[in-house]
Amino acid sequence: MSGTIVNLRLVRKAKARAQAEKKAEENRVTFGTPKALRKLNAAEKKLEDKRHASGRLETTSGNGEG
């Protein structure tokens, strides 16, 4: 019998790491939004909310209904 000795535990771990890396790459594509882009979107939403709120009319009645 000629061949090399293979540690099956190491082979299984290597296979599991390869599968985990593949899954991680898929998740990066799906969920990976850069931090700068998230901050930009948050700032734009905050500005939009501020502009929307500034256009509201003040009510004269004390019950809170328009």
Protein backbone atom coordinates (compact mmCIF):
# COMPACT_ATOMS: atom_id res chain seq x y z
CA MET A 1 0.00 0.00 0.00
CA SER A 2 1.53 3.22 -1.08
CA GLY A 3 -0.11 6.46 -0.16
CA THR A 4 -0.02 9.32 2.21
CA ILE A 5 -1.50 9.38 5.65
CA VAL A 6 -4.36 11.86 5.91
CA ASN A 7 -5.72 13.21 9.16
CA LEU A 8 -9.48 13.12 8.57
CA ARG A 9 -10.18 15.66 11.32
CA LEU A 10 -8.02 18.23 9.54
CA VAL A 11 -9.69 17.46 6.22
CA ARG A 12 -13.16 17.91 7.74
CA LYS A 13 -12.13 21.20 9.37
CA ALA A 14 -10.67 22.49 6.11
CA LYS A 15 -13.85 21.57 4.27
CA ALA A 16 -15.98 23.31 6.93
CA ARG A 17 -13.79 26.45 6.70
CA ALA A 18 -14.16 26.50 2.92
CA GLN A 19 -17.94 26.22 3.19
CA ALA A 20 -18.05 28.93 5.87
CA GLU A 21 -15.96 31.24 3.68
CA LYS A 22 -18.29 30.62 0.74
CA LYS A 23 -21.32 31.46 2.91
CA ALA A 24 -19.55 34.56 4.26
CA GLU A 25 -18.86 35.78 0.72
CA GLU A 26 -22.54 35.37 -0.16
CA ASN A 27 -23.50 37.31 2.96
CA ARG A 28 -21.05 40.10 2.13
CA VAL A 29 -22.72 40.54 -1.22
CA THR A 30 -26.22 40.37 0.26
CA PHE A 31 -25.82 42.38 3.45
CA GLY A 32 -22.56 44.25 2.95
CA THR A 33 -23.23 47.97 2.92
CA PRO A 34 -20.15 50.10 3.58
CA LYS A 35 -20.24 52.13 6.78
CA ALA A 36 -19.79 55.41 4.87
CA LEU A 37 -22.82 54.63 2.72
CA ARG A 38 -24.92 53.76 5.80
CA LYS A 39 -23.91 57.06 7.41
CA LEU A 40 -24.76 58.97 4.24
CA ASN A 41 -28.19 57.35 4.02
CA ALA A 42 -28.87 58.10 7.69
CA ALA A 43 -27.88 61.74 7.23
CA GLU A 44 -30.08 62.10 4.15
CA LYS A 45 -33.04 60.57 6.01
CA LYS A 46 -32.49 62.89 8.97
CA LEU A 47 -32.40 65.92 6.65
CA GLU A 48 -35.52 64.73 4.84
CA ASP A 49 -37.38 64.25 8.14
CA LYS A 50 -36.30 67.71 9.29
CA ARG A 51 -37.52 69.31 6.06
CA HIS A 52 -40.80 67.42 6.29
CA ALA A 53 -41.34 68.47 9.91
CA SER A 54 -40.54 72.10 9.13
CA GLY A 55 -43.37 72.20 6.60
CA ARG A 56 -46.03 71.23 9.12
CA LEU A 57 -48.67 73.73 10.06
CA GLU A 58 -49.09 74.65 13.68
CA THR A 59 -52.53 73.99 15.12
CA THR A 60 -54.41 76.63 17.05
CA SER A 61 -56.65 74.23 18.93
CA GLY A 62 -55.38 72.76 22.17
CA ASN A 63 -56.58 69.22 21.55
CA GLY A 64 -53.85 68.34 19.06
CA GLU A 65 -56.16 67.81 16.10
CA GLY A 66 -55.74 69.83 12.94
